[in-house]
Protein backbone atom coordinates (compact mmCIF):
# COMPACT_ATOMS: atom_id res chain seq x y z
CA UNK A 1 -13.33 49.60 -74.42
CA UNK A 2 -11.19 46.58 -73.60
CA UNK A 3 -9.79 46.62 -70.15
CA UNK A 4 -6.20 45.97 -69.51
CA UNK A 5 -5.28 44.83 -65.84
CA UNK A 6 -1.63 46.20 -65.25
CA UNK A 7 0.38 44.17 -62.81
CA UNK A 8 2.07 46.92 -60.35
CA UNK A 9 4.50 44.44 -59.20
CA UNK A 10 6.11 43.96 -62.44
CA UNK A 11 6.32 47.83 -63.42
CA UNK A 12 9.16 49.97 -62.41
CA UNK A 13 9.45 53.50 -63.38
CA UNK A 14 12.68 55.25 -64.14
CA UNK A 15 13.71 56.16 -60.65
CA UNK A 16 15.39 59.34 -61.65
CA UNK A 17 12.05 61.28 -62.53
CA UNK A 18 11.95 64.59 -60.66
CA UNK A 19 8.11 64.50 -60.91
CA UNK A 20 5.10 61.91 -60.88
CA UNK A 21 1.64 62.24 -60.23
CA UNK A 22 -1.67 60.35 -61.65
CA UNK A 23 -1.35 62.29 -65.24
CA UNK A 24 2.18 61.11 -65.67
CA UNK A 25 1.52 57.73 -64.50
CA UNK A 26 -1.30 57.25 -66.73
CA UNK A 27 0.92 58.60 -69.52
CA UNK A 28 3.62 56.03 -68.74
CA UNK A 29 1.30 53.26 -68.44
CA UNK A 30 -0.34 54.29 -71.81
CA UNK A 31 3.22 54.23 -73.52
CA UNK A 32 4.35 50.85 -72.34
CA UNK A 33 0.74 49.63 -73.63
CA UNK A 34 1.63 51.40 -76.83
CA UNK A 35 4.95 49.63 -77.08
CA UNK A 36 3.74 46.08 -76.37
CA UNK A 37 5.46 45.86 -73.03
CA UNK A 38 2.80 46.45 -70.35
CA UNK A 39 2.90 43.73 -67.85
CA UNK A 40 -0.64 42.48 -67.48
CA UNK A 41 -2.72 40.33 -64.93
CA UNK A 42 -5.49 37.69 -65.65
CA UNK A 43 -9.15 39.11 -65.39
CA UNK A 44 -10.79 36.32 -64.30
CA UNK A 45 -14.31 35.64 -65.89
CA UNK A 46 -16.87 37.22 -63.94
CA UNK A 47 -19.58 34.46 -64.24
CA UNK A 48 -16.91 31.94 -62.32
CA UNK A 49 -16.10 34.76 -59.59
CA UNK A 50 -18.81 34.00 -57.10
CA UNK A 51 -18.18 30.13 -56.97
CA UNK A 52 -14.46 30.78 -56.40
CA UNK A 53 -15.18 33.37 -53.51
CA UNK A 54 -17.40 30.71 -52.00
CA UNK A 55 -14.32 28.38 -52.04
CA UNK A 56 -12.19 30.98 -50.61
CA UNK A 57 -14.79 31.34 -47.61
CA UNK A 58 -14.62 27.49 -47.11
CA UNK A 59 -10.77 28.12 -46.81
CA UNK A 60 -11.35 31.05 -44.28
CA UNK A 61 -13.28 28.87 -42.13
CA UNK A 62 -11.07 25.86 -42.29
CA UNK A 63 -8.13 28.29 -41.05
CA UNK A 64 -10.43 29.56 -38.26
CA UNK A 65 -11.59 25.99 -37.25
CA UNK A 66 -7.80 25.09 -37.16
CA UNK A 67 -6.89 28.29 -34.99
CA UNK A 68 -9.66 27.15 -32.59
CA UNK A 69 -8.51 23.51 -32.44
CA UNK A 70 -4.94 24.53 -31.74
CA UNK A 71 -5.93 27.04 -29.05
CA UNK A 72 -8.60 24.32 -27.44
CA UNK A 73 -5.63 21.72 -27.47
CA UNK A 74 -3.16 24.14 -25.89
CA UNK A 75 -5.58 25.06 -23.15
CA UNK A 76 -6.10 21.10 -22.29
CA UNK A 77 -2.31 20.62 -22.32
CA UNK A 78 -1.69 23.59 -20.20
CA UNK A 79 -4.47 22.57 -17.49
CA UNK A 80 -4.21 18.77 -17.63
CA UNK A 81 -1.19 17.72 -19.15
CA UNK A 82 -2.84 15.60 -21.86
CA UNK A 83 -2.54 15.54 -25.78
CA UNK A 84 -5.95 15.81 -27.31
CA UNK A 85 -5.67 15.02 -31.18
CA UNK A 86 -7.57 17.40 -33.66
CA UNK A 87 -9.77 14.40 -35.04
CA UNK A 88 -11.04 13.85 -31.44
CA UNK A 89 -11.92 17.35 -31.03
CA UNK A 90 -14.29 17.42 -34.37
CA UNK A 91 -16.36 14.38 -33.69
CA UNK A 92 -19.65 15.43 -33.29
CA UNK A 93 -21.19 12.52 -31.55
CA UNK A 94 -18.60 12.21 -28.70
CA UNK A 95 -17.66 15.24 -26.72
CA UNK A 96 -14.20 14.27 -25.74
CA UNK A 97 -13.56 17.87 -24.45
CA UNK A 98 -16.14 18.64 -21.92
CA UNK A 99 -14.58 15.60 -19.45
CA UNK A 100 -11.11 17.18 -19.46
CA UNK A 101 -12.58 20.52 -18.61
CA UNK A 102 -14.93 19.70 -16.08
CA UNK A 103 -12.81 20.28 -12.67
CA UNK A 104 -13.00 24.11 -13.26
CA UNK A 105 -15.84 26.36 -14.06
CA UNK A 106 -13.60 28.80 -16.17
CA UNK A 107 -12.28 26.01 -17.94
CA UNK A 108 -15.41 24.42 -18.43
CA UNK A 109 -17.18 27.47 -20.05
CA UNK A 110 -14.13 27.94 -22.30
CA UNK A 111 -13.96 24.12 -23.38
CA UNK A 112 -17.90 24.49 -24.18
CA UNK A 113 -17.45 27.71 -25.83
CA UNK A 114 -14.60 26.44 -27.90
CA UNK A 115 -16.15 23.13 -29.05
CA UNK A 116 -19.59 24.51 -29.63
CA UNK A 117 -17.73 27.05 -32.28
CA UNK A 118 -15.67 24.41 -33.86
CA UNK A 119 -18.67 22.22 -34.18
CA UNK A 120 -20.58 25.06 -35.83
CA UNK A 121 -17.77 26.16 -38.33
CA UNK A 122 -17.65 22.40 -39.10
CA UNK A 123 -21.30 22.15 -40.37
CA UNK A 124 -20.84 25.59 -42.14
CA UNK A 125 -17.86 23.94 -44.10
CA UNK A 126 -19.70 20.99 -45.10
CA UNK A 127 -22.67 23.50 -46.20
CA UNK A 128 -20.46 25.19 -48.78
CA UNK A 129 -18.66 21.88 -49.72
CA UNK A 130 -22.26 20.56 -50.68
CA UNK A 131 -23.52 23.75 -52.62
CA UNK A 132 -20.15 24.00 -54.46
CA UNK A 133 -20.28 20.21 -55.47
CA UNK A 134 -23.66 20.81 -56.85
CA UNK A 135 -22.84 24.07 -58.55
CA UNK A 136 -19.66 23.17 -60.77
CA UNK A 137 -17.79 20.16 -61.63
CA UNK A 138 -14.14 19.35 -62.61
CA UNK A 139 -13.48 20.05 -66.31
CA UNK A 140 -12.56 17.24 -68.40
CA UNK A 141 -9.01 18.22 -68.38
CA UNK A 142 -8.87 18.80 -64.75
CA UNK A 143 -10.26 15.65 -63.58
CA UNK A 144 -7.19 13.95 -63.41
CA UNK A 145 -6.09 15.94 -60.66
CA UNK A 146 -8.05 13.49 -58.51
CA UNK A 147 -5.43 11.04 -59.03
CA UNK A 148 -3.00 13.00 -57.17
CA UNK A 149 -2.13 11.99 -53.60
CA UNK A 150 -4.12 14.55 -51.10
CA UNK A 151 -6.54 15.86 -53.69
CA UNK A 152 -10.18 15.38 -53.39
CA UNK A 153 -13.23 16.99 -54.90
CA UNK A 154 -13.00 20.32 -53.05
CA UNK A 155 -9.39 20.89 -53.34
CA UNK A 156 -9.54 19.92 -57.06
CA UNK A 157 -12.33 22.47 -57.55
CA UNK A 158 -10.02 25.07 -55.46
CA UNK A 159 -7.45 24.54 -57.62
CA UNK A 160 -9.23 24.51 -60.74
CA UNK A 161 -10.87 27.95 -60.04
CA UNK A 162 -7.73 29.47 -58.75
CA UNK A 163 -5.81 28.50 -61.85
CA UNK A 164 -8.07 29.36 -64.49
CA UNK A 165 -6.64 28.48 -67.90
CA UNK A 166 -3.69 26.33 -67.39
CA UNK A 167 -2.18 27.82 -71.24
CA UNK A 168 -1.52 31.18 -69.38
CA UNK A 169 1.55 29.46 -67.50
CA UNK A 170 4.18 28.81 -70.37
CA UNK A 171 6.08 26.54 -68.03
CA UNK A 172 5.83 24.42 -64.95
CA UNK A 173 8.23 26.74 -63.04
CA UNK A 174 5.74 29.79 -63.77
CA UNK A 175 3.02 28.06 -62.24
CA UNK A 176 4.66 26.69 -59.12
CA UNK A 177 5.90 30.06 -58.65
CA UNK A 178 2.30 31.42 -58.99
CA UNK A 179 1.65 29.30 -56.30
CA UNK A 180 4.20 30.49 -54.44
CA UNK A 181 6.04 27.46 -54.00
CA UNK A 182 9.57 28.67 -55.16
CA UNK A 183 12.31 30.38 -53.25
CA UNK A 184 12.96 34.04 -53.78
CA UNK A 185 16.64 35.09 -53.56
CA UNK A 186 18.92 37.43 -54.98
CA UNK A 187 22.30 36.09 -55.95
CA UNK A 188 25.19 37.85 -57.47
CA UNK A 189 28.80 36.21 -57.59
CA UNK A 190 27.60 33.25 -55.63
CA UNK A 191 26.62 35.27 -52.73
CA UNK A 192 23.29 36.23 -51.37
CA UNK A 193 22.26 39.77 -51.95
CA UNK A 194 18.70 39.67 -50.40
CA UNK A 195 15.16 38.47 -51.19
CA UNK A 196 12.60 39.16 -53.88
CA UNK A 197 8.70 39.49 -53.33
CA UNK A 198 7.99 35.98 -51.77
CA UNK A 199 4.25 37.00 -51.66
CA UNK A 200 4.10 37.45 -55.44
CA UNK A 201 1.43 34.81 -56.59
CA UNK A 202 -1.79 33.54 -55.27
CA UNK A 203 -2.30 32.79 -51.84
CA UNK A 204 -5.30 30.49 -52.13
CA UNK A 205 -3.37 28.33 -54.62
CA UNK A 206 -0.35 28.34 -51.99
CA UNK A 207 -2.61 27.15 -49.29
CA UNK A 208 -4.31 24.66 -51.40
CA UNK A 209 -0.78 22.82 -52.32
CA UNK A 210 0.08 23.21 -48.36
CA UNK A 211 -3.14 21.02 -47.76
CA UNK A 212 -2.25 18.45 -50.60
CA UNK A 213 1.19 18.08 -49.29
CA UNK A 214 -0.06 17.69 -45.57
CA UNK A 215 -2.38 14.87 -46.56
CA UNK A 216 -0.21 13.28 -49.32
CA UNK A 217 2.46 13.20 -46.58
CA UNK A 218 -0.24 11.35 -44.22
CA UNK A 219 -2.02 8.92 -46.81
CA UNK A 220 0.37 8.17 -49.54
CA UNK A 221 3.47 6.00 -49.10
CA UNK A 222 5.66 7.30 -51.83
CA UNK A 223 4.91 10.89 -50.94
CA UNK A 224 5.87 10.03 -47.43
CA UNK A 225 9.08 8.21 -48.58
CA UNK A 226 9.92 11.48 -50.25
CA UNK A 227 9.20 13.77 -47.67
CA UNK A 228 11.02 11.59 -45.12
CA UNK A 229 14.36 11.66 -47.26
CA UNK A 230 13.96 15.45 -47.57
CA UNK A 231 13.57 15.71 -43.84
CA UNK A 232 16.73 13.89 -43.14
CA UNK A 233 18.74 16.76 -45.01
CA UNK A 234 16.65 19.61 -43.78
CA UNK A 235 13.95 20.37 -41.58
CA UNK A 236 9.95 19.94 -41.56
CA UNK A 237 8.98 23.30 -43.11
CA UNK A 238 11.55 22.96 -45.69
CA UNK A 239 10.61 19.16 -46.49
CA UNK A 240 6.84 20.34 -46.22
CA UNK A 241 7.60 23.07 -48.80
CA UNK A 242 9.66 20.76 -51.22
CA UNK A 243 6.74 18.26 -51.07
CA UNK A 244 4.11 21.08 -52.21
CA UNK A 245 6.49 22.34 -54.88
CA UNK A 246 6.88 18.80 -56.02
CA UNK A 247 3.10 18.34 -56.38
CA UNK A 248 2.33 21.66 -57.80
CA UNK A 249 4.68 21.09 -60.81
CA UNK A 250 2.93 17.83 -61.00
CA UNK A 251 -0.47 19.28 -61.13
CA UNK A 252 0.50 21.49 -63.75
CA UNK A 253 1.41 18.81 -66.20
CA UNK A 254 -1.64 16.90 -65.00
CA UNK A 255 -4.15 20.00 -66.14
CA UNK A 256 -2.03 20.90 -69.28
CA UNK A 257 -1.96 17.28 -70.76
CA UNK A 258 -5.01 15.87 -69.03
CA UNK A 259 -2.97 12.80 -67.84
CA UNK A 260 -3.15 10.75 -64.38
CA UNK A 261 -0.66 11.59 -61.54
CA UNK A 262 2.47 9.36 -61.97
CA UNK A 263 4.35 8.41 -58.72
CA UNK A 264 7.75 7.39 -60.76
CA UNK A 265 7.76 10.65 -62.61
CA UNK A 266 7.04 12.68 -59.66
CA UNK A 267 9.61 11.27 -57.28
CA UNK A 268 12.16 9.61 -59.37
């Protein structure tokens, strides 16, 4: 039998029904399928799920490491009044944490445990990245993702594996919505009446494009210039989300057409 994956977020039953149970729900789904109006989700190919899950685990470890770095920075700041950049905490050859925590035994142990865990997570992240790059390569139509500011091999693989076939998205707006990079508001007569389901989409793509936007903001002059213009009219969160939305739309056309990133088209 062919399996159909129903999308529960897009299915609404008649709210005036007096009775509902598993049998009636199944009958309702069967009726929508018969009529050809059953909202369906994409069933990811079984063979590619393990490597996709491996990169999801990498993202999980990256977020754990970031939370530990942020916590350690707070500890150092509260006790010494110093600001310790994350890149210095992650350095393996030189321990910048121990001298700052040596004055107190409890503080020293806190710094030691945090630094050891951060270093361990860093090694595990590298191990995952190495295996992922050995197991799979960017498909020809997706290789142009590497021309985008902020996208390296690992983030490119993450975007490719989480996206799947790009032709399942009719327009760039559909893809950016799937990436959770569009606002969700209900408006009637020019007035805001509430919010929709802002979490309807792929949280891993949402995280990936947030990372892309952050790297682009740091290291790409055109992206930084556009971000600064947006920041002057709003705030950091809005400007960052807007840049991520821009890059998600650009990624859609890059994957669909197989063309390189064009700064003029993206930021015109």
